[in-house]
Amino acid sequence: MANTKSAIKRVRSNERKRQQNRVFRSRARTFIKRTRRLVAEGEIDQAQESAQLAVSSLDRAATKGVIHRNNASRRKARLMRMLAAARKTE
């Protein structure tokens, strides 16, 4: 356990940041899962809307430093590639 006042304060602030980062990460994952599910079900138009939300949430998470910008870019590229392939087979 932390002994100094500053270390105790860091423990508190790190916990607040962890909780907030969790929100951004979870939101991005939720939209990605929703998009993948919609593509699998063949709901391409709804998947497109969900993909836009996923891209937005990934960009926001990358801006906040929750995930690395290259990580966000890679996830967006994979999602868009999957969506394009589904649109092509439609």
Protein backbone atom coordinates (compact mmCIF):
# COMPACT_ATOMS: atom_id res chain seq x y z
CA MET A 1 0.00 0.00 0.00
CA ALA A 2 1.13 3.57 -0.67
CA ASN A 3 2.77 5.39 2.22
CA THR A 4 3.23 9.01 1.16
CA LYS A 5 0.45 11.50 0.59
CA SER A 6 1.35 11.92 -3.06
CA ALA A 7 1.37 8.15 -3.61
CA ILE A 8 -2.04 7.83 -1.97
CA LYS A 9 -3.36 10.59 -4.23
CA ARG A 10 -1.91 8.80 -7.29
CA VAL A 11 -3.74 5.62 -6.29
CA ARG A 12 -7.02 7.55 -6.17
CA SER A 13 -6.46 9.39 -9.45
CA ASN A 14 -5.29 6.23 -11.23
CA GLU A 15 -8.47 4.45 -10.19
CA ARG A 16 -10.61 7.31 -11.55
CA LYS A 17 -8.70 7.24 -14.83
CA ARG A 18 -8.97 3.45 -15.04
CA GLN A 19 -12.75 3.62 -14.65
CA GLN A 20 -13.05 6.33 -17.31
CA ASN A 21 -10.75 4.50 -19.74
CA ARG A 22 -12.85 1.38 -19.24
CA VAL A 23 -15.90 3.25 -20.51
CA PHE A 24 -14.21 4.29 -23.76
CA ARG A 25 -12.73 0.85 -24.37
CA SER A 26 -16.00 -0.94 -23.62
CA ARG A 27 -18.04 1.37 -25.85
CA ALA A 28 -15.71 0.75 -28.79
CA ARG A 29 -15.83 -3.01 -28.27
CA THR A 30 -19.62 -2.96 -28.06
CA PHE A 31 -20.00 -1.14 -31.40
CA ILE A 32 -17.48 -3.46 -33.07
CA LYS A 33 -19.32 -6.55 -31.83
CA ARG A 34 -22.65 -5.11 -32.94
CA THR A 35 -21.29 -4.39 -36.42
CA ARG A 36 -19.85 -7.88 -36.78
CA ARG A 37 -23.12 -9.45 -35.64
CA LEU A 38 -25.13 -7.37 -38.12
CA VAL A 39 -22.79 -8.29 -40.97
CA ALA A 40 -23.13 -11.97 -40.07
CA GLU A 41 -26.92 -11.63 -40.08
CA GLY A 42 -26.83 -9.87 -43.45
CA GLU A 43 -28.15 -6.53 -42.18
CA ILE A 44 -25.66 -4.50 -44.21
CA ASP A 45 -27.35 -1.09 -43.93
CA GLN A 46 -27.63 -1.31 -40.16
CA ALA A 47 -24.07 -2.62 -40.01
CA GLN A 48 -22.92 0.47 -41.91
CA GLU A 49 -24.50 2.76 -39.31
CA SER A 50 -23.03 0.72 -36.48
CA ALA A 51 -19.62 0.80 -38.16
CA GLN A 52 -19.73 4.60 -38.22
CA LEU A 53 -20.38 4.60 -34.48
CA ALA A 54 -17.56 2.09 -33.99
CA VAL A 55 -15.13 4.24 -35.96
CA SER A 56 -16.14 7.30 -33.97
CA SER A 57 -15.70 5.54 -30.65
CA LEU A 58 -12.33 4.08 -31.70
CA ASP A 59 -11.14 7.54 -32.76
CA ARG A 60 -12.30 8.99 -29.47
CA ALA A 61 -10.51 6.26 -27.49
CA ALA A 62 -7.32 6.86 -29.48
CA THR A 63 -7.55 10.61 -28.93
CA LYS A 64 -7.93 10.10 -25.19
CA GLY A 65 -4.93 7.75 -25.17
CA VAL A 66 -6.97 4.75 -24.06
CA ILE A 67 -5.75 2.74 -27.05
CA HIS A 68 -2.88 3.45 -29.42
CA ARG A 69 -3.78 5.28 -32.62
CA ASN A 70 -2.34 2.48 -34.76
CA ASN A 71 -4.45 -0.02 -32.83
CA ALA A 72 -7.56 2.05 -33.55
CA SER A 73 -6.59 2.37 -37.20
CA ARG A 74 -6.05 -1.38 -37.54
CA ARG A 75 -9.42 -2.19 -35.97
CA LYS A 76 -11.19 0.32 -38.23
CA ALA A 77 -9.48 -1.10 -41.32
CA ARG A 78 -10.49 -4.66 -40.45
CA LEU A 79 -14.05 -3.60 -39.78
CA MET A 80 -14.33 -1.67 -43.05
CA ARG A 81 -12.75 -4.54 -45.00
CA MET A 82 -15.30 -6.96 -43.54
CA LEU A 83 -18.14 -4.57 -44.34
CA ALA A 84 -16.91 -4.10 -47.92
CA ALA A 85 -16.68 -7.85 -48.44
CA ALA A 86 -20.22 -8.29 -47.14
CA ARG A 87 -21.49 -5.55 -49.42
CA LYS A 88 -19.76 -7.19 -52.38
CA THR A 89 -21.44 -10.55 -51.78
CA GLU A 90 -24.83 -8.92 -51.26
